[in-house]
């Protein structure tokens, strides 16, 4: 299936992009039931949460026939809110059969060293790889956040996603500074919790590239429905 946009084009986007998270089969069926125009009005990129979809690659491939939206493949580690196996080989086996369909692949920074083979295969298939970091309890110190970004490039990661829980306005201000600062790689920054929805708009304005909303059911506190987020981002 030809990709609508290459991952390189996505990472060079001059505007913030809305990512629609598909976390279960009902959400996938809903998305695929829409016509092309309605799908494109829902989001710019579809994130397939392979760990929670729990579907055979062959079945997913068949369902996605004719899809034109860029795909982001994610098999989230359980320590960062996912349901996938902790074994890197088992996680690779879920992602690699679908790499030819992907524009982007998400691999946590914590396992990027163990999943170098998958990163290389993603690049060979024409997909770029996001290194992600999640903290569902707090927003770590600035040194930790900056260190996560610096850690990514030597591991062959092309972009960085940081998602943290916001316990205060100060946490949001720190993420704003992070998103606004110059970096060697494109970054995506978002908050979770009571300040989550506000943060996703403010941080997109500050330079966050990929901004996540849900299709069907939310899988993180503070998310917008993807279709609403897609409508709001151009107004920033």
C-alpha atoms as a PDB file:
ATOM      1  CA  UNK A   1       0.000   0.000   0.000  1.00  0.00           C
ATOM      2  CA  UNK A   2       1.572   3.334  -0.962  1.00  0.00           C
ATOM      3  CA  UNK A   3       2.136   5.813   1.836  1.00  0.00           C
ATOM      4  CA  UNK A   4       0.265   9.112   1.557  1.00  0.00           C
ATOM      5  CA  UNK A   5       3.163  11.010   3.114  1.00  0.00           C
ATOM      6  CA  UNK A   6       6.655   9.838   3.899  1.00  0.00           C
ATOM      7  CA  UNK A   7       7.843  10.023   7.486  1.00  0.00           C
ATOM      8  CA  UNK A   8      10.430  12.575   6.388  1.00  0.00           C
ATOM      9  CA  UNK A   9       7.691  14.846   5.100  1.00  0.00           C
ATOM     10  CA  UNK A  10       5.857  14.480   8.394  1.00  0.00           C
ATOM     11  CA  UNK A  11       8.920  15.379  10.437  1.00  0.00           C
ATOM     12  CA  UNK A  12       9.472  18.458   8.278  1.00  0.00           C
ATOM     13  CA  UNK A  13       5.909  19.696   8.648  1.00  0.00           C
ATOM     14  CA  UNK A  14       5.651  23.436   9.233  1.00  0.00           C
ATOM     15  CA  UNK A  15       2.365  23.021  11.101  1.00  0.00           C
ATOM     16  CA  UNK A  16       1.392  21.009  14.168  1.00  0.00           C
ATOM     17  CA  UNK A  17      -0.161  17.659  13.279  1.00  0.00           C
ATOM     18  CA  UNK A  18      -3.057  15.861  14.955  1.00  0.00           C
ATOM     19  CA  UNK A  19      -2.479  12.189  15.733  1.00  0.00           C
ATOM     20  CA  UNK A  20      -5.557  10.017  16.163  1.00  0.00           C
ATOM     21  CA  UNK A  21      -4.882   7.179  18.594  1.00  0.00           C
ATOM     22  CA  UNK A  22      -6.605   3.901  17.710  1.00  0.00           C
ATOM     23  CA  UNK A  23      -6.445   1.756  20.820  1.00  0.00           C
ATOM     24  CA  UNK A  24      -9.086  -0.906  20.265  1.00  0.00           C
ATOM     25  CA  UNK A  25     -10.913  -2.717  17.494  1.00  0.00           C
ATOM     26  CA  UNK A  26     -14.074  -0.619  17.864  1.00  0.00           C
ATOM     27  CA  UNK A  27     -12.073   2.562  17.231  1.00  0.00           C
ATOM     28  CA  UNK A  28     -10.398   0.977  14.225  1.00  0.00           C
ATOM     29  CA  UNK A  29     -13.699  -0.150  12.753  1.00  0.00           C
ATOM     30  CA  UNK A  30     -15.135   3.339  13.272  1.00  0.00           C
ATOM     31  CA  UNK A  31     -12.219   4.993  11.519  1.00  0.00           C
ATOM     32  CA  UNK A  32     -12.312   2.575   8.611  1.00  0.00           C
ATOM     33  CA  UNK A  33     -16.066   3.046   8.228  1.00  0.00           C
ATOM     34  CA  UNK A  34     -15.519   6.709   7.329  1.00  0.00           C
ATOM     35  CA  UNK A  35     -15.005   7.853   3.767  1.00  0.00           C
ATOM     36  CA  UNK A  36     -11.656   9.355   2.799  1.00  0.00           C
ATOM     37  CA  UNK A  37     -12.703  12.966   3.416  1.00  0.00           C
ATOM     38  CA  UNK A  38     -14.095  12.151   6.852  1.00  0.00           C
ATOM     39  CA  UNK A  39     -10.957  10.250   7.827  1.00  0.00           C
ATOM     40  CA  UNK A  40      -8.739  13.131   6.785  1.00  0.00           C
ATOM     41  CA  UNK A  41     -10.938  15.484   8.819  1.00  0.00           C
ATOM     42  CA  UNK A  42     -10.392  13.264  11.874  1.00  0.00           C
ATOM     43  CA  UNK A  43      -6.585  13.420  12.046  1.00  0.00           C
ATOM     44  CA  UNK A  44      -3.362  13.868  10.087  1.00  0.00           C
ATOM     45  CA  UNK A  45      -1.734  10.651  11.325  1.00  0.00           C
ATOM     46  CA  UNK A  46      -3.241   7.437  12.721  1.00  0.00           C
ATOM     47  CA  UNK A  47      -1.452   5.792  15.623  1.00  0.00           C
ATOM     48  CA  UNK A  48      -2.145   2.068  15.717  1.00  0.00           C
ATOM     49  CA  UNK A  49      -1.623   0.823  19.258  1.00  0.00           C
ATOM     50  CA  UNK A  50      -0.622  -2.699  18.338  1.00  0.00           C
ATOM     51  CA  UNK A  51      -0.296  -3.673  21.996  1.00  0.00           C
ATOM     52  CA  UNK A  52      -3.966  -2.972  22.778  1.00  0.00           C
ATOM     53  CA  UNK A  53      -5.459  -3.787  19.377  1.00  0.00           C
ATOM     54  CA  UNK A  54      -4.104  -7.301  19.813  1.00  0.00           C
ATOM     55  CA  UNK A  55      -4.820  -8.325  16.215  1.00  0.00           C
ATOM     56  CA  UNK A  56      -2.813 -10.557  13.852  1.00  0.00           C
ATOM     57  CA  UNK A  57      -0.698  -8.577  11.397  1.00  0.00           C
ATOM     58  CA  UNK A  58      -2.368 -10.262   8.413  1.00  0.00           C
ATOM     59  CA  UNK A  59      -5.821  -9.221   9.605  1.00  0.00           C
ATOM     60  CA  UNK A  60      -4.713  -5.646  10.211  1.00  0.00           C
ATOM     61  CA  UNK A  61      -3.095  -5.499   6.801  1.00  0.00           C
ATOM     62  CA  UNK A  62      -6.297  -6.629   5.122  1.00  0.00           C
ATOM     63  CA  UNK A  63      -8.423  -4.120   7.041  1.00  0.00           C
ATOM     64  CA  UNK A  64      -6.068  -1.275   6.128  1.00  0.00           C
ATOM     65  CA  UNK A  65      -6.264  -1.913   2.398  1.00  0.00           C
ATOM     66  CA  UNK A  66      -7.062   1.400   0.743  1.00  0.00           C
ATOM     67  CA  UNK A  67      -6.116   3.529   3.752  1.00  0.00           C
ATOM     68  CA  UNK A  68      -4.469   6.812   2.753  1.00  0.00           C
ATOM     69  CA  UNK A  69      -3.627   8.321   6.128  1.00  0.00           C
ATOM     70  CA  UNK A  70      -0.023   7.989   7.360  1.00  0.00           C
ATOM     71  CA  UNK A  71       0.349   5.271   9.984  1.00  0.00           C
ATOM     72  CA  UNK A  72       2.295   5.422  13.226  1.00  0.00           C
ATOM     73  CA  UNK A  73       2.960   1.961  14.676  1.00  0.00           C
ATOM     74  CA  UNK A  74       3.240   1.726  18.466  1.00  0.00           C
ATOM     75  CA  UNK A  75       3.698  -1.290  20.691  1.00  0.00           C
ATOM     76  CA  UNK A  76       3.820   0.375  24.094  1.00  0.00           C
ATOM     77  CA  UNK A  77       5.964  -1.026  26.894  1.00  0.00           C
ATOM     78  CA  UNK A  78       3.930  -1.847  30.035  1.00  0.00           C
ATOM     79  CA  UNK A  79       6.147   0.391  32.176  1.00  0.00           C
ATOM     80  CA  UNK A  80       4.962   3.333  30.084  1.00  0.00           C
ATOM     81  CA  UNK A  81       1.258   2.625  29.930  1.00  0.00           C
ATOM     82  CA  UNK A  82       1.188  -0.215  27.423  1.00  0.00           C
ATOM     83  CA  UNK A  83       0.077  -3.822  27.225  1.00  0.00           C
ATOM     84  CA  UNK A  84       2.836  -5.325  25.123  1.00  0.00           C
ATOM     85  CA  UNK A  85       5.342  -7.960  26.245  1.00  0.00           C
ATOM     86  CA  UNK A  86       8.448  -6.654  27.975  1.00  0.00           C
ATOM     87  CA  UNK A  87      10.639  -8.913  25.832  1.00  0.00           C
ATOM     88  CA  UNK A  88      12.087  -6.798  22.980  1.00  0.00           C
ATOM     89  CA  UNK A  89      11.971  -9.734  20.562  1.00  0.00           C
ATOM     90  CA  UNK A  90       8.261 -10.265  21.212  1.00  0.00           C
ATOM     91  CA  UNK A  91       7.552  -6.589  20.686  1.00  0.00           C
ATOM     92  CA  UNK A  92       9.594  -6.534  17.498  1.00  0.00           C
ATOM     93  CA  UNK A  93       7.557  -9.472  16.215  1.00  0.00           C
ATOM     94  CA  UNK A  94       4.402  -7.361  16.593  1.00  0.00           C
ATOM     95  CA  UNK A  95       5.805  -4.322  14.775  1.00  0.00           C
ATOM     96  CA  UNK A  96       8.090  -5.608  12.048  1.00  0.00           C
ATOM     97  CA  UNK A  97       5.503  -7.435   9.875  1.00  0.00           C
ATOM     98  CA  UNK A  98       3.741  -4.083   9.285  1.00  0.00           C
ATOM     99  CA  UNK A  99       6.758  -1.836   8.735  1.00  0.00           C
ATOM    100  CA  UNK A 100       6.063  -1.487   5.022  1.00  0.00           C
ATOM    101  CA  UNK A 101       2.760   0.229   5.898  1.00  0.00           C
ATOM    102  CA  UNK A 102       4.293   2.654   8.375  1.00  0.00           C
ATOM    103  CA  UNK A 103       5.289   6.265   8.033  1.00  0.00           C
ATOM    104  CA  UNK A 104       6.450   6.384  11.653  1.00  0.00           C
ATOM    105  CA  UNK A 105       7.272   3.905  14.412  1.00  0.00           C
ATOM    106  CA  UNK A 106       7.296   4.645  18.152  1.00  0.00           C
ATOM    107  CA  UNK A 107       9.839   2.925  20.398  1.00  0.00           C
ATOM    108  CA  UNK A 108      10.388   3.953  24.009  1.00  0.00           C
ATOM    109  CA  UNK A 109      13.764   5.438  24.819  1.00  0.00           C
ATOM    110  CA  UNK A 110      14.107   2.859  27.603  1.00  0.00           C
ATOM    111  CA  UNK A 111      14.245  -0.006  25.084  1.00  0.00           C
ATOM    112  CA  UNK A 112      15.845   1.692  22.086  1.00  0.00           C
ATOM    113  CA  UNK A 113      19.209   0.038  22.692  1.00  0.00           C
ATOM    114  CA  UNK A 114      17.652  -3.435  22.778  1.00  0.00           C
ATOM    115  CA  UNK A 115      15.551  -2.727  19.675  1.00  0.00           C
ATOM    116  CA  UNK A 116      18.289  -1.465  17.369  1.00  0.00           C
ATOM    117  CA  UNK A 117      17.459  -4.131  14.798  1.00  0.00           C
ATOM    118  CA  UNK A 118      13.839  -2.940  14.597  1.00  0.00           C
ATOM    119  CA  UNK A 119      14.984   0.686  14.273  1.00  0.00           C
ATOM    120  CA  UNK A 120      17.250  -0.261  11.388  1.00  0.00           C
ATOM    121  CA  UNK A 121      14.502  -2.282   9.695  1.00  0.00           C
ATOM    122  CA  UNK A 122      12.091   0.638  10.054  1.00  0.00           C
ATOM    123  CA  UNK A 123      14.570   2.936   8.343  1.00  0.00           C
ATOM    124  CA  UNK A 124      15.121   0.398   5.589  1.00  0.00           C
ATOM    125  CA  UNK A 125      11.345   0.288   5.033  1.00  0.00           C
ATOM    126  CA  UNK A 126      11.193   4.087   4.688  1.00  0.00           C
ATOM    127  CA  UNK A 127       9.777   4.833   8.139  1.00  0.00           C
ATOM    128  CA  UNK A 128      11.313   7.122  10.704  1.00  0.00           C
ATOM    129  CA  UNK A 129      11.424   6.272  14.386  1.00  0.00           C
ATOM    130  CA  UNK A 130      10.199   8.284  17.361  1.00  0.00           C
ATOM    131  CA  UNK A 131      11.840   7.766  20.725  1.00  0.00           C
ATOM    132  CA  UNK A 132       9.219   8.247  23.419  1.00  0.00           C
ATOM    133  CA  UNK A 133       9.308   9.008  27.130  1.00  0.00           C
ATOM    134  CA  UNK A 134       6.271   8.905  29.436  1.00  0.00           C
ATOM    135  CA  UNK A 135       5.795   9.767  33.092  1.00  0.00           C
ATOM    136  CA  UNK A 136       2.225   9.239  34.337  1.00  0.00           C
ATOM    137  CA  UNK A 137       2.932  10.611  37.824  1.00  0.00           C
ATOM    138  CA  UNK A 138       4.873  13.859  37.392  1.00  0.00           C
ATOM    139  CA  UNK A 139       6.945  16.076  35.144  1.00  0.00           C
ATOM    140  CA  UNK A 140      10.593  15.225  35.808  1.00  0.00           C
ATOM    141  CA  UNK A 141      13.351  17.752  36.312  1.00  0.00           C
ATOM    142  CA  UNK A 142      14.507  19.748  33.299  1.00  0.00           C
ATOM    143  CA  UNK A 143      17.768  17.815  33.253  1.00  0.00           C
ATOM    144  CA  UNK A 144      15.863  14.563  32.780  1.00  0.00           C
ATOM    145  CA  UNK A 145      13.738  15.989  29.964  1.00  0.00           C
ATOM    146  CA  UNK A 146      16.714  17.484  28.145  1.00  0.00           C
ATOM    147  CA  UNK A 147      18.682  14.302  28.692  1.00  0.00           C
ATOM    148  CA  UNK A 148      15.930  12.275  27.047  1.00  0.00           C
ATOM    149  CA  UNK A 149      16.224  14.373  23.907  1.00  0.00           C
ATOM    150  CA  UNK A 150      20.035  14.162  23.878  1.00  0.00           C
ATOM    151  CA  UNK A 151      19.847  10.398  24.396  1.00  0.00           C
ATOM    152  CA  UNK A 152      17.839   9.816  21.226  1.00  0.00           C
ATOM    153  CA  UNK A 153      20.083  10.750  18.327  1.00  0.00           C
ATOM    154  CA  UNK A 154      23.024   8.402  19.090  1.00  0.00           C
ATOM    155  CA  UNK A 155      20.502   5.546  19.114  1.00  0.00           C
ATOM    156  CA  UNK A 156      19.331   6.263  15.576  1.00  0.00           C
ATOM    157  CA  UNK A 157      16.028   7.844  16.607  1.00  0.00           C
ATOM    158  CA  UNK A 158      14.708  10.577  14.352  1.00  0.00           C
ATOM    159  CA  UNK A 159      12.337  12.427  16.668  1.00  0.00           C
ATOM    160  CA  UNK A 160      11.392  12.518  20.347  1.00  0.00           C
ATOM    161  CA  UNK A 161       8.016  12.407  22.096  1.00  0.00           C
ATOM    162  CA  UNK A 162       7.710  13.460  25.731  1.00  0.00           C
ATOM    163  CA  UNK A 163       4.449  13.039  27.666  1.00  0.00           C
ATOM    164  CA  UNK A 164       4.312  13.862  31.380  1.00  0.00           C
ATOM    165  CA  UNK A 165       1.717  14.377  34.084  1.00  0.00           C
ATOM    166  CA  UNK A 166       1.205  18.029  34.960  1.00  0.00           C
ATOM    167  CA  UNK A 167       0.746  18.648  38.668  1.00  0.00           C
ATOM    168  CA  UNK A 168       0.964  22.427  38.451  1.00  0.00           C
ATOM    169  CA  UNK A 169       1.102  25.447  36.173  1.00  0.00           C
ATOM    170  CA  UNK A 170       4.865  25.463  36.671  1.00  0.00           C
ATOM    171  CA  UNK A 171       5.073  22.023  35.075  1.00  0.00           C
ATOM    172  CA  UNK A 172       3.259  23.353  32.011  1.00  0.00           C
ATOM    173  CA  UNK A 173       5.565  26.367  31.824  1.00  0.00           C
ATOM    174  CA  UNK A 174       8.588  24.076  31.861  1.00  0.00           C
ATOM    175  CA  UNK A 175       7.165  21.989  29.012  1.00  0.00           C
ATOM    176  CA  UNK A 176       6.444  25.191  27.080  1.00  0.00           C
ATOM    177  CA  UNK A 177      10.089  26.195  27.393  1.00  0.00           C
ATOM    178  CA  UNK A 178      11.171  22.723  26.306  1.00  0.00           C
ATOM    179  CA  UNK A 179       8.917  22.744  23.248  1.00  0.00           C
ATOM    180  CA  UNK A 180       9.981  26.269  22.282  1.00  0.00           C
ATOM    181  CA  UNK A 181      13.727  25.706  22.573  1.00  0.00           C
ATOM    182  CA  UNK A 182      15.808  24.813  19.488  1.00  0.00           C
ATOM    183  CA  UNK A 183      16.627  21.119  19.180  1.00  0.00           C
ATOM    184  CA  UNK A 184      18.523  19.051  16.633  1.00  0.00           C
ATOM    185  CA  UNK A 185      15.461  16.853  16.187  1.00  0.00           C
ATOM    186  CA  UNK A 186      11.761  17.599  15.948  1.00  0.00           C
ATOM    187  CA  UNK A 187      10.038  17.007  19.259  1.00  0.00           C
ATOM    188  CA  UNK A 188       6.489  16.393  20.378  1.00  0.00           C
ATOM    189  CA  UNK A 189       5.573  17.441  23.908  1.00  0.00           C
ATOM    190  CA  UNK A 190       2.285  16.977  25.754  1.00  0.00           C
ATOM    191  CA  UNK A 191       0.843  17.003  29.234  1.00  0.00           C
ATOM    192  CA  UNK A 192      -1.573  14.652  30.961  1.00  0.00           C
ATOM    193  CA  UNK A 193      -3.992  15.149  33.822  1.00  0.00           C
ATOM    194  CA  UNK A 194      -6.169  18.178  34.679  1.00  0.00           C
ATOM    195  CA  UNK A 195      -3.925  20.469  32.637  1.00  0.00           C
ATOM    196  CA  UNK A 196      -3.725  18.018  29.759  1.00  0.00           C
ATOM    197  CA  UNK A 197      -6.197  19.541  27.308  1.00  0.00           C
ATOM    198  CA  UNK A 198      -4.864  23.057  27.804  1.00  0.00           C
ATOM    199  CA  UNK A 199      -1.306  21.822  27.425  1.00  0.00           C
ATOM    200  CA  UNK A 200      -1.919  20.108  24.100  1.00  0.00           C
ATOM    201  CA  UNK A 201      -3.026  23.353  22.507  1.00  0.00           C
ATOM    202  CA  UNK A 202      -0.418  25.553  24.169  1.00  0.00           C
ATOM    203  CA  UNK A 203       2.432  23.147  23.431  1.00  0.00           C
ATOM    204  CA  UNK A 204       1.371  22.778  19.809  1.00  0.00           C
ATOM    205  CA  UNK A 205       1.603  26.561  19.578  1.00  0.00           C
ATOM    206  CA  UNK A 206       5.073  26.363  21.140  1.00  0.00           C
ATOM    207  CA  UNK A 207       6.313  23.913  18.509  1.00  0.00           C
ATOM    208  CA  UNK A 208       5.151  20.425  19.459  1.00  0.00           C
ATOM    209  CA  UNK A 209       4.946  18.536  16.156  1.00  0.00           C
ATOM    210  CA  UNK A 210       2.706  15.533  16.897  1.00  0.00           C
ATOM    211  CA  UNK A 211      -0.273  16.232  19.121  1.00  0.00           C
ATOM    212  CA  UNK A 212      -2.274  13.212  20.227  1.00  0.00           C
ATOM    213  CA  UNK A 213      -6.037  12.858  20.482  1.00  0.00           C
ATOM    214  CA  UNK A 214      -8.224   9.792  20.755  1.00  0.00           C
ATOM    215  CA  UNK A 215     -10.470   7.971  18.343  1.00  0.00           C
ATOM    216  CA  UNK A 216     -13.174   6.043  20.188  1.00  0.00           C
ATOM    217  CA  UNK A 217     -12.006   5.928  23.807  1.00  0.00           C
ATOM    218  CA  UNK A 218      -9.280   8.005  25.444  1.00  0.00           C
ATOM    219  CA  UNK A 219      -6.181   6.099  26.560  1.00  0.00           C
ATOM    220  CA  UNK A 220      -4.530   8.948  28.492  1.00  0.00           C
ATOM    221  CA  UNK A 221      -5.904  11.584  30.878  1.00  0.00           C
ATOM    222  CA  UNK A 222      -6.221  14.999  29.269  1.00  0.00           C
ATOM    223  CA  UNK A 223      -6.595  14.005  25.619  1.00  0.00           C
ATOM    224  CA  UNK A 224      -8.891  15.727  23.142  1.00  0.00           C
ATOM    225  CA  UNK A 225     -11.002  13.766  20.694  1.00  0.00           C
ATOM    226  CA  UNK A 226      -8.788  13.668  17.619  1.00  0.00           C
ATOM    227  CA  UNK A 227     -11.369  15.307  15.354  1.00  0.00           C
ATOM    228  CA  UNK A 228     -11.749  18.293  17.723  1.00  0.00           C
ATOM    229  CA  UNK A 229      -7.984  18.636  18.045  1.00  0.00           C
ATOM    230  CA  UNK A 230      -7.615  18.551  14.272  1.00  0.00           C
ATOM    231  CA  UNK A 231     -10.100  21.436  13.975  1.00  0.00           C
ATOM    232  CA  UNK A 232      -8.424  23.494  16.705  1.00  0.00           C
ATOM    233  CA  UNK A 233      -4.776  23.225  15.673  1.00  0.00           C
ATOM    234  CA  UNK A 234      -5.038  25.403  12.517  1.00  0.00           C
ATOM    235  CA  UNK A 235      -6.567  28.166  14.643  1.00  0.00           C
ATOM    236  CA  UNK A 236      -3.530  28.499  16.907  1.00  0.00           C
END
